[in-house]
């Protein structure tokens, strides 16, 4: 529900607009602008920190290890991040207060009622954080997020099977299979052929620069977590060629690596865009990979029939290519590898799955179509359970776009332990971390076996607690 106007004191309403106006005027002097931007970025963060601190002060939360970075270094640590999320879940339950840059109060939450409000009912009031969208935008551009590509995927999975069998047959049948490597390669090629109508050739040992760029993009972004709070303001001040000029002179290997990755991916996307555009103009799309049924070809054709004022620009279309790859490559390959790992740990489930697939092959043949794949109930249950335990996106970052009050499914204790909190006032601009992984392992919802890999839970009726939670996910309980 919206907050009453008296819920927070009136703030200096035009301060941010004045800051941005000053930055625009100072672009004429790059050196002075660079120095002033750094100072104003810190002032901007401090101003917002003070304004938002009051709303979350009553919540419990861990002690901040650093005033400068708060909990961000723990939150975005690729090696120990999951352990930190688990600690929050086990110690504080469904809600707690975290610290961001310069001690700014931030909200971590996995309460099902609040999650439903933020991601479904009131999702337009809780959008992806500006820091994250800017981070993605400066790397791959702005992008938007069928059964026609299933035959392409089927052919590629046959290539994957052959490659894995070849590895297994090395050293007299005792060869080692790098599952994560093959999952990365096959995912990249699936997105290329099914999404872009293009082959990267990675299954044949080609595209080493692209493999490196795709493999290092997300780790490189995570390594620069400390820069995220400053990006929206700095981009407003130094976008375009000037921003590039400044970035190239930052003496940090992580920044320079990200520039190299961004250039590699943008050059790849521009080349694919030109090829697809020329094929459509020449009427030869049907002769290319995917036979013209790929997502990018359909998007380009649809764009041509729109009124001129509604068409996407060339820059936007190139960004769609990057977006398709960025959105699907790393998360999909990780999910494949994780699911295989679960099956290795549970050979009895693996045997049942093999029997189900063999029965489908006997009934339909080995080239299963979309509906036939969806009829494999155990396979579907295994995918659901794998995504529940280790979702591709364990945390969803949101920013409150207006002052709001989140209603909790169950009350939580205040920081002094004296009262129970049923509603959380959230101020506009507050950074919120939606704990999807914590919600998926909530024992009050899923039962005492919430941490166990049990695909069978999806083969019967789910408990009322799961159905009532209506939590958002790729396989929600709705």
Protein backbone atom coordinates (compact mmCIF):
# COMPACT_ATOMS: atom_id res chain seq x y z
CA UNK A 1 0.00 0.00 0.00
CA UNK A 2 1.23 3.56 -0.61
CA UNK A 3 2.62 5.39 2.40
CA UNK A 4 0.70 8.36 3.81
CA UNK A 5 2.34 11.68 3.04
CA UNK A 6 3.31 12.09 6.70
CA UNK A 7 5.14 8.76 6.90
CA UNK A 8 8.46 10.48 6.17
CA UNK A 9 9.64 14.05 6.60
CA UNK A 10 9.72 16.16 3.46
CA UNK A 11 13.14 16.01 1.79
CA UNK A 12 15.02 18.55 -0.32
CA UNK A 13 13.02 17.76 -3.44
CA UNK A 14 15.08 19.50 -6.12
CA UNK A 15 18.56 18.63 -4.87
CA UNK A 16 19.16 15.75 -7.28
CA UNK A 17 17.88 17.74 -10.25
CA UNK A 18 20.22 20.60 -9.33
CA UNK A 19 23.17 18.20 -9.13
CA UNK A 20 22.42 16.74 -12.56
CA UNK A 21 22.02 20.22 -14.07
CA UNK A 22 25.43 21.20 -12.72
CA UNK A 23 26.97 18.06 -14.22
CA UNK A 24 25.50 18.83 -17.63
CA UNK A 25 26.99 22.33 -17.55
CA UNK A 26 30.41 21.06 -16.47
CA UNK A 27 30.83 18.71 -19.42
CA UNK A 28 32.65 21.55 -21.17
CA UNK A 29 35.60 21.05 -18.79
CA UNK A 30 36.36 17.29 -18.61
CA UNK A 31 39.13 17.47 -15.98
CA UNK A 32 37.12 19.57 -13.56
CA UNK A 33 34.06 17.46 -14.29
CA UNK A 34 35.88 14.23 -13.42
CA UNK A 35 36.96 15.61 -10.04
CA UNK A 36 33.59 17.10 -9.21
CA UNK A 37 31.72 13.96 -10.33
CA UNK A 38 33.62 11.82 -7.84
CA UNK A 39 32.78 14.20 -5.01
CA UNK A 40 29.15 14.58 -6.00
CA UNK A 41 28.72 10.82 -6.37
CA UNK A 42 29.72 10.40 -2.73
CA UNK A 43 27.48 13.30 -1.68
CA UNK A 44 24.58 11.82 -3.62
CA UNK A 45 24.95 8.45 -1.90
CA UNK A 46 25.29 10.04 1.54
CA UNK A 47 22.19 12.17 0.97
CA UNK A 48 20.07 9.18 -0.01
CA UNK A 49 21.49 7.10 2.84
CA UNK A 50 20.32 9.63 5.44
CA UNK A 51 16.88 10.00 3.84
CA UNK A 52 16.20 6.25 3.75
CA UNK A 53 17.74 5.17 7.05
CA UNK A 54 14.65 5.89 9.14
CA UNK A 55 12.35 3.38 7.47
CA UNK A 56 14.43 0.22 8.08
CA UNK A 57 16.01 1.10 11.41
CA UNK A 58 13.65 -1.14 13.40
CA UNK A 59 14.69 -4.32 11.55
CA UNK A 60 17.31 -6.79 12.72
CA UNK A 61 20.43 -7.35 10.65
CA UNK A 62 24.10 -8.37 10.74
CA UNK A 63 26.82 -5.96 11.82
CA UNK A 64 28.40 -4.19 8.88
CA UNK A 65 32.06 -5.14 8.30
CA UNK A 66 32.80 -1.82 6.57
CA UNK A 67 31.29 1.65 6.50
CA UNK A 68 32.49 2.19 2.94
CA UNK A 69 31.20 -1.03 1.36
CA UNK A 70 28.79 -2.40 3.96
CA UNK A 71 27.80 -6.00 3.21
CA UNK A 72 28.30 -5.67 -0.56
CA UNK A 73 31.64 -7.50 -0.60
CA UNK A 74 30.03 -10.48 1.17
CA UNK A 75 26.87 -10.30 -0.90
CA UNK A 76 28.63 -10.40 -4.27
CA UNK A 77 31.46 -12.78 -3.38
CA UNK A 78 31.22 -15.58 -6.01
CA UNK A 79 32.86 -18.10 -3.67
CA UNK A 80 31.00 -17.44 -0.40
CA UNK A 81 27.91 -15.50 -1.48
CA UNK A 82 25.59 -18.51 -1.12
CA UNK A 83 26.89 -19.10 2.41
CA UNK A 84 26.10 -15.48 3.27
CA UNK A 85 22.55 -15.85 1.90
CA UNK A 86 22.11 -19.03 3.96
CA UNK A 87 23.30 -17.23 7.09
CA UNK A 88 20.72 -14.48 6.56
CA UNK A 89 17.98 -17.06 6.09
CA UNK A 90 18.93 -19.17 9.10
CA UNK A 91 19.63 -16.34 11.54
CA UNK A 92 17.12 -13.64 10.59
CA UNK A 93 14.33 -15.56 8.89
CA UNK A 94 12.48 -13.81 6.10
CA UNK A 95 13.46 -10.17 6.62
CA UNK A 96 16.57 -8.27 7.68
CA UNK A 97 18.39 -4.99 7.21
CA UNK A 98 21.72 -4.85 5.36
CA UNK A 99 24.22 -2.07 4.85
CA UNK A 100 25.27 -0.77 1.46
CA UNK A 101 27.78 1.85 0.36
CA UNK A 102 28.54 4.48 3.03
CA UNK A 103 26.30 2.73 5.54
CA UNK A 104 23.10 3.00 3.48
CA UNK A 105 20.25 0.85 4.80
CA UNK A 106 19.11 -1.85 2.37
CA UNK A 107 16.42 -4.52 2.65
CA UNK A 108 16.84 -8.29 2.25
CA UNK A 109 13.51 -10.12 2.15
CA UNK A 110 12.07 -13.54 1.30
CA UNK A 111 8.60 -13.19 2.84
CA UNK A 112 6.11 -14.75 0.35
CA UNK A 113 3.47 -12.02 0.73
CA UNK A 114 6.01 -9.27 0.15
CA UNK A 115 7.56 -11.16 -2.77
CA UNK A 116 4.17 -11.52 -4.42
CA UNK A 117 3.55 -7.79 -4.07
CA UNK A 118 6.97 -6.74 -5.39
CA UNK A 119 7.21 -9.12 -8.33
CA UNK A 120 3.57 -9.49 -9.38
CA UNK A 121 0.88 -7.23 -7.95
CA UNK A 122 2.97 -4.06 -7.65
CA UNK A 123 5.94 -4.98 -9.83
CA UNK A 124 5.85 -1.59 -11.58
CA UNK A 125 6.61 0.01 -8.19
CA UNK A 126 9.64 -2.25 -7.61
CA UNK A 127 11.78 -2.23 -10.73
CA UNK A 128 15.26 -3.59 -11.37
CA UNK A 129 17.75 -1.37 -9.57
CA UNK A 130 19.28 1.55 -11.48
CA UNK A 131 22.74 0.34 -10.51
CA UNK A 132 22.14 -3.07 -12.11
CA UNK A 133 20.44 -1.75 -15.24
CA UNK A 134 23.24 0.77 -15.78
CA UNK A 135 25.84 -1.93 -15.22
CA UNK A 136 24.23 -4.08 -17.91
CA UNK A 137 23.60 -1.13 -20.21
CA UNK A 138 27.23 0.00 -20.31
CA UNK A 139 28.28 -3.56 -21.14
CA UNK A 140 25.70 -5.00 -23.54
CA UNK A 141 23.20 -2.18 -24.13
CA UNK A 142 19.48 -2.02 -23.36
CA UNK A 143 17.55 -5.13 -24.33
CA UNK A 144 14.07 -6.56 -23.97
CA UNK A 145 13.28 -9.74 -22.59
CA UNK A 146 8.77 -21.14 -29.09
CA UNK A 147 8.43 -24.07 -30.00
CA UNK A 148 9.83 -23.43 -33.52
CA UNK A 149 13.43 -23.82 -32.29
CA UNK A 150 12.98 -27.25 -30.66
CA UNK A 151 14.28 -29.15 -33.75
CA UNK A 152 17.44 -27.02 -33.64
CA UNK A 153 17.94 -27.85 -29.96
CA UNK A 154 17.38 -31.56 -30.62
CA UNK A 155 20.13 -31.64 -33.24
CA UNK A 156 22.52 -29.82 -30.93
CA UNK A 157 21.87 -32.18 -28.03
CA UNK A 158 22.88 -35.02 -30.35
CA UNK A 159 26.18 -33.21 -30.93
CA UNK A 160 26.59 -32.86 -27.17
CA UNK A 161 25.93 -36.56 -26.67
CA UNK A 162 28.56 -37.45 -29.27
CA UNK A 163 31.12 -35.12 -27.69
CA UNK A 164 30.57 -36.53 -24.19
CA UNK A 165 30.76 -40.11 -25.46
CA UNK A 166 34.04 -39.25 -27.16
CA UNK A 167 35.47 -37.93 -23.89
CA UNK A 168 34.23 -40.98 -21.99
CA UNK A 169 35.83 -43.37 -24.48
CA UNK A 170 39.26 -41.80 -24.03
CA UNK A 171 41.78 -43.77 -21.98
CA UNK A 172 40.02 -47.10 -22.50
CA UNK A 173 36.63 -45.89 -21.33
CA UNK A 174 37.94 -44.06 -18.24
CA UNK A 175 38.07 -40.58 -19.70
CA UNK A 176 37.02 -37.53 -17.68
CA UNK A 177 34.04 -35.45 -18.83
CA UNK A 178 34.07 -31.73 -18.03
CA UNK A 179 30.30 -31.30 -17.78
CA UNK A 180 30.41 -27.57 -17.10
CA UNK A 181 32.56 -26.93 -20.18
CA UNK A 182 30.18 -28.82 -22.47
CA UNK A 183 27.14 -27.22 -20.81
CA UNK A 184 28.58 -23.77 -21.54
CA UNK A 185 29.37 -24.63 -25.15
CA UNK A 186 26.04 -26.27 -25.95
CA UNK A 187 24.08 -23.45 -24.30
CA UNK A 188 25.95 -20.82 -26.28
CA UNK A 189 25.35 -22.71 -29.53
CA UNK A 190 21.66 -23.25 -28.72
CA UNK A 191 21.18 -19.53 -28.17
CA UNK A 192 23.14 -18.80 -31.33
CA UNK A 193 21.18 -21.14 -33.58
CA UNK A 194 17.72 -20.99 -31.98
CA UNK A 195 17.78 -17.35 -30.89
CA UNK A 196 19.99 -15.67 -33.48
CA UNK A 197 19.99 -18.02 -36.47
CA UNK A 198 23.77 -18.09 -36.27
CA UNK A 199 26.37 -20.70 -35.42
CA UNK A 200 29.33 -19.70 -33.27
CA UNK A 201 31.12 -22.95 -34.18
CA UNK A 202 32.10 -23.56 -30.57
CA UNK A 203 31.24 -27.27 -30.76
CA UNK A 204 33.92 -27.55 -33.46
CA UNK A 205 36.62 -25.77 -31.48
CA UNK A 206 36.07 -22.29 -32.95
CA UNK A 207 35.32 -18.92 -31.36
CA UNK A 208 37.87 -18.93 -28.54
CA UNK A 209 37.56 -15.15 -28.07
CA UNK A 210 33.77 -15.42 -27.74
CA UNK A 211 34.03 -18.34 -25.31
CA UNK A 212 36.37 -16.26 -23.18
CA UNK A 213 34.11 -13.20 -23.34
CA UNK A 214 30.96 -15.12 -22.42
CA UNK A 215 32.73 -17.05 -19.68
CA UNK A 216 34.29 -13.99 -18.09
CA UNK A 217 31.49 -11.44 -18.52
CA UNK A 218 29.55 -12.23 -15.35
CA UNK A 219 32.65 -12.76 -13.14
CA UNK A 220 34.07 -9.46 -14.42
CA UNK A 221 30.84 -7.67 -13.57
CA UNK A 222 30.82 -9.18 -10.08
CA UNK A 223 34.43 -8.13 -9.47
CA UNK A 224 33.36 -4.53 -10.05
CA UNK A 225 30.55 -4.63 -7.47
CA UNK A 226 32.09 -1.67 -5.67
CA UNK A 227 31.52 0.61 -8.68
CA UNK A 228 27.80 -0.09 -9.08
CA UNK A 229 26.38 2.54 -6.68
CA UNK A 230 28.20 5.30 -8.57
CA UNK A 231 27.32 4.26 -12.12
CA UNK A 232 23.90 5.93 -12.62
CA UNK A 233 25.27 9.34 -11.69
CA UNK A 234 28.59 8.88 -13.50
CA UNK A 235 26.82 7.67 -16.65
CA UNK A 236 24.63 10.77 -16.65
CA UNK A 237 27.78 12.84 -16.38
CA UNK A 238 30.12 10.93 -18.67
CA UNK A 239 28.28 8.77 -21.20
CA UNK A 240 29.30 8.21 -24.81
CA UNK A 241 32.84 8.87 -26.12
CA UNK A 242 33.80 10.87 -23.05
CA UNK A 243 32.83 8.02 -20.73
CA UNK A 244 34.82 5.62 -22.90
CA UNK A 245 37.83 7.97 -22.76
CA UNK A 246 37.71 8.01 -18.96
CA UNK A 247 37.17 4.23 -18.64
CA UNK A 248 40.17 3.43 -20.86
CA UNK A 249 42.41 5.38 -18.49
CA UNK A 250 41.31 3.71 -15.27
CA UNK A 251 44.38 1.70 -14.13
CA UNK A 252 42.45 -1.39 -13.02
CA UNK A 253 42.79 -4.72 -14.82
CA UNK A 254 39.15 -5.61 -14.08
CA UNK A 255 37.93 -2.44 -15.82
CA UNK A 256 40.16 -2.99 -18.84
CA UNK A 257 39.07 -6.63 -19.08
CA UNK A 258 35.42 -5.57 -19.06
CA UNK A 259 36.11 -3.08 -21.87
CA UNK A 260 37.73 -5.85 -23.92
CA UNK A 261 34.80 -8.20 -23.26
CA UNK A 262 32.28 -5.51 -24.17
CA UNK A 263 34.10 -4.76 -27.44
CA UNK A 264 34.25 -8.45 -28.38
CA UNK A 265 30.54 -8.95 -27.76
CA UNK A 266 29.45 -5.74 -29.45
CA UNK A 267 31.51 -6.53 -32.57
CA UNK A 268 29.99 -10.01 -32.66
CA UNK A 269 26.45 -8.62 -32.32
CA UNK A 270 26.97 -5.97 -34.99
CA UNK A 271 28.25 -8.61 -37.43
CA UNK A 272 25.26 -10.91 -36.79
CA UNK A 273 22.84 -8.00 -37.18
CA UNK A 274 24.32 -7.07 -40.57
CA UNK A 275 24.18 -10.68 -41.78
CA UNK A 276 20.53 -11.09 -40.68
CA UNK A 277 19.49 -7.76 -42.18
CA UNK A 278 21.17 -8.57 -45.52
CA UNK A 279 19.58 -12.04 -45.60
CA UNK A 280 16.10 -10.58 -45.09
CA UNK A 281 16.71 -7.97 -47.79
CA UNK A 282 17.97 -10.63 -50.22
CA UNK A 283 15.24 -13.14 -49.36
CA UNK A 284 17.76 -15.77 -48.25
CA UNK A 285 16.79 -16.16 -44.57
CA UNK A 286 15.43 -19.64 -45.22
CA UNK A 287 18.89 -20.83 -46.27
CA UNK A 288 20.57 -19.77 -43.03
CA UNK A 289 20.90 -21.53 -39.68
CA UNK A 290 17.41 -21.98 -38.21
CA UNK A 291 15.78 -21.56 -41.64
CA UNK A 292 14.47 -18.12 -40.72
CA UNK A 293 12.55 -19.34 -37.66
CA UNK A 294 15.01 -17.92 -35.13
CA UNK A 295 13.92 -15.19 -32.73
CA UNK A 296 16.16 -12.48 -34.21
CA UNK A 297 14.91 -12.94 -37.78
CA UNK A 298 11.30 -12.76 -36.59
CA UNK A 299 12.10 -9.61 -34.59
CA UNK A 300 13.78 -7.90 -37.56
CA UNK A 301 10.88 -8.75 -39.89
CA UNK A 302 8.31 -7.48 -37.40
CA UNK A 303 10.30 -4.29 -36.87
CA UNK A 304 10.14 -3.53 -40.60
CA UNK A 305 6.33 -3.51 -40.71
CA UNK A 306 5.92 -1.16 -37.75
CA UNK A 307 5.27 2.56 -38.28
CA UNK A 308 8.59 4.47 -38.45
CA UNK A 309 8.05 6.15 -35.07
CA UNK A 310 7.61 2.75 -33.38
CA UNK A 311 10.58 0.93 -34.90
CA UNK A 312 13.63 -0.04 -32.90
CA UNK A 313 16.85 1.66 -33.94
CA UNK A 314 19.86 -0.25 -35.24
CA UNK A 315 21.59 0.25 -31.88
CA UNK A 316 18.58 -1.17 -30.05
CA UNK A 317 18.40 -4.19 -32.36
CA UNK A 318 22.09 -4.94 -31.86
CA UNK A 319 21.45 -4.78 -28.12
CA UNK A 320 18.73 -7.42 -28.48
CA UNK A 321 21.35 -9.84 -29.80
CA UNK A 322 23.55 -9.19 -26.80
CA UNK A 323 20.54 -9.38 -24.52
CA UNK A 324 19.50 -12.81 -25.75
CA UNK A 325 22.97 -14.17 -25.09
CA UNK A 326 23.44 -12.34 -21.80
CA UNK A 327 20.07 -13.44 -20.44
CA UNK A 328 20.39 -17.07 -21.40
CA UNK A 329 23.96 -18.27 -21.56
CA UNK A 330 25.45 -18.32 -18.06
CA UNK A 331 22.29 -19.12 -16.09
CA UNK A 332 21.22 -21.91 -18.44
CA UNK A 333 24.61 -23.62 -18.53
CA UNK A 334 24.88 -23.43 -14.74
CA UNK A 335 21.41 -24.94 -14.32
CA UNK A 336 22.28 -27.81 -16.67
CA UNK A 337 25.49 -28.58 -14.77
CA UNK A 338 23.74 -28.31 -11.39
CA UNK A 339 20.95 -30.68 -12.47
CA UNK A 340 23.46 -33.25 -13.73
CA UNK A 341 25.30 -32.98 -10.41
CA UNK A 342 22.07 -33.66 -8.50
CA UNK A 343 21.47 -36.74 -10.65
CA UNK A 344 25.00 -38.00 -10.00
CA UNK A 345 24.33 -37.70 -6.26
CA UNK A 346 21.02 -39.58 -6.60
CA UNK A 347 21.60 -42.57 -8.95
CA UNK A 348 18.20 -44.05 -8.09
CA UNK A 349 16.48 -40.96 -9.54
CA UNK A 350 18.85 -41.08 -12.50
CA UNK A 351 17.77 -44.67 -13.22
CA UNK A 352 14.09 -43.70 -13.15
CA UNK A 353 14.71 -40.76 -15.48
CA UNK A 354 16.63 -42.94 -17.91
CA UNK A 355 13.72 -45.39 -17.98
CA UNK A 356 11.24 -42.57 -18.66
CA UNK A 357 13.33 -41.20 -21.53
CA UNK A 358 13.86 -44.65 -23.05
CA UNK A 359 10.13 -45.29 -22.92
CA UNK A 360 9.51 -41.99 -24.72
CA UNK A 361 12.09 -42.91 -27.37
CA UNK A 362 10.36 -46.27 -27.84
CA UNK A 363 6.97 -44.57 -28.21
CA UNK A 364 7.85 -41.43 -30.24
CA UNK A 365 11.35 -41.94 -31.64
CA UNK A 366 14.47 -40.06 -30.54
CA UNK A 367 13.51 -36.65 -31.99
CA UNK A 368 10.93 -35.59 -29.39
CA UNK A 369 8.89 -32.49 -30.16
CA UNK A 370 7.87 -29.78 -27.69
CA UNK A 371 4.68 -31.46 -26.44
CA UNK A 372 6.35 -34.87 -26.15
CA UNK A 373 9.15 -33.40 -24.03
CA UNK A 374 6.62 -31.72 -21.77
CA UNK A 375 4.86 -35.06 -21.24
CA UNK A 376 7.91 -36.45 -19.39
CA UNK A 377 6.66 -35.85 -15.86
CA UNK A 378 9.76 -37.01 -13.98
CA UNK A 379 12.06 -34.91 -16.18
CA UNK A 380 9.84 -31.91 -15.51
CA UNK A 381 9.87 -32.61 -11.76
CA UNK A 382 13.67 -32.89 -11.74
CA UNK A 383 14.00 -29.54 -13.51
CA UNK A 384 11.58 -27.92 -11.07
CA UNK A 385 13.40 -29.30 -8.05
CA UNK A 386 16.83 -28.33 -9.34
CA UNK A 387 15.68 -24.75 -10.00
CA UNK A 388 14.03 -24.62 -6.59
CA UNK A 389 17.16 -25.58 -4.68
CA UNK A 390 19.68 -23.68 -6.79
CA UNK A 391 17.88 -21.11 -8.95
CA UNK A 392 19.85 -19.50 -11.77
CA UNK A 393 19.04 -16.15 -10.14
CA UNK A 394 19.19 -16.63 -6.34
CA UNK A 395 18.74 -12.91 -5.68
CA UNK A 396 16.61 -10.39 -7.56
CA UNK A 397 17.58 -6.76 -7.11
CA UNK A 398 14.78 -4.21 -6.95
CA UNK A 399 14.44 -0.51 -6.20
CA UNK A 400 11.33 1.04 -4.68
CA UNK A 401 10.02 3.57 -7.20
CA UNK A 402 7.78 5.27 -4.64
CA UNK A 403 7.20 5.29 -0.89
CA UNK A 404 5.40 2.07 -0.05
CA UNK A 405 4.43 -0.24 2.80
CA UNK A 406 5.13 -3.96 2.42
CA UNK A 407 2.77 -6.30 4.26
CA UNK A 408 4.39 -9.44 5.68
CA UNK A 409 2.94 -12.95 5.56
CA UNK A 410 4.24 -13.50 9.09
CA UNK A 411 5.49 -10.89 11.59
CA UNK A 412 9.18 -10.58 12.48
CA UNK A 413 10.88 -9.34 15.66
CA UNK A 414 12.16 -5.79 15.81
CA UNK A 415 15.84 -5.07 16.39
CA UNK A 416 15.24 -4.52 20.13
CA UNK A 417 13.20 -7.74 20.37
CA UNK A 418 10.31 -5.96 22.08
CA UNK A 419 7.77 -5.72 19.26
CA UNK A 420 6.57 -7.74 16.29
CA UNK A 421 6.64 -6.07 12.88
CA UNK A 422 3.82 -6.83 10.43
CA UNK A 423 4.41 -4.01 7.93
CA UNK A 424 7.63 -2.47 6.60
CA UNK A 425 7.59 1.14 5.37
CA UNK A 426 9.92 1.38 2.38
CA UNK A 427 11.10 4.73 1.16
CA UNK A 428 11.43 5.59 -2.53
CA UNK A 429 14.87 4.62 -3.82
CA UNK A 430 15.48 1.89 -1.25
CA UNK A 431 17.60 -0.98 -2.57
CA UNK A 432 15.85 -4.33 -2.03
CA UNK A 433 17.33 -7.81 -2.40
CA UNK A 434 14.59 -10.37 -3.04
CA UNK A 435 15.83 -13.68 -1.61
CA UNK A 436 14.38 -16.17 -4.09
CA UNK A 437 16.74 -18.91 -2.92
CA UNK A 438 15.72 -18.35 0.70
CA UNK A 439 12.02 -18.48 -0.19
CA UNK A 440 12.60 -21.73 -2.07
CA UNK A 441 14.13 -23.33 1.04
CA UNK A 442 11.71 -21.91 3.60
CA UNK A 443 10.79 -24.86 5.84
CA UNK A 444 7.54 -23.23 6.93
CA UNK A 445 6.48 -23.39 3.29
CA UNK A 446 8.18 -26.50 1.92
CA UNK A 447 8.43 -28.61 5.07
CA UNK A 448 11.36 -30.04 7.02
CA UNK A 449 12.81 -31.57 3.85
CA UNK A 450 13.10 -28.17 2.14
CA UNK A 451 16.88 -28.54 1.76
CA UNK A 452 16.61 -32.00 0.19
CA UNK A 453 16.56 -32.85 -3.51
CA UNK A 454 13.16 -34.56 -3.86
CA UNK A 455 11.64 -34.36 -7.36
CA UNK A 456 8.78 -36.53 -6.11
CA UNK A 457 7.30 -33.51 -4.31
CA UNK A 458 6.22 -32.21 -7.74
CA UNK A 459 4.58 -35.46 -8.86
CA UNK A 460 1.67 -35.25 -6.44
CA UNK A 461 -0.36 -32.50 -4.81
CA UNK A 462 1.81 -29.79 -3.30
CA UNK A 463 1.18 -28.90 0.36
CA UNK A 464 -1.32 -26.12 0.99
CA UNK A 465 1.50 -23.98 2.41
CA UNK A 466 3.24 -24.05 -0.99
CA UNK A 467 0.07 -23.34 -2.97
CA UNK A 468 -0.90 -20.48 -0.68
CA UNK A 469 2.51 -18.82 -0.89
CA UNK A 470 2.15 -18.15 -4.64
CA UNK A 471 5.85 -17.40 -4.88
CA UNK A 472 7.25 -16.11 -8.19
CA UNK A 473 9.69 -18.37 -10.01
CA UNK A 474 10.27 -20.17 -13.30
CA UNK A 475 8.20 -22.99 -11.81
CA UNK A 476 5.91 -21.16 -9.41
CA UNK A 477 3.40 -22.90 -7.18
CA UNK A 478 0.48 -21.03 -8.75
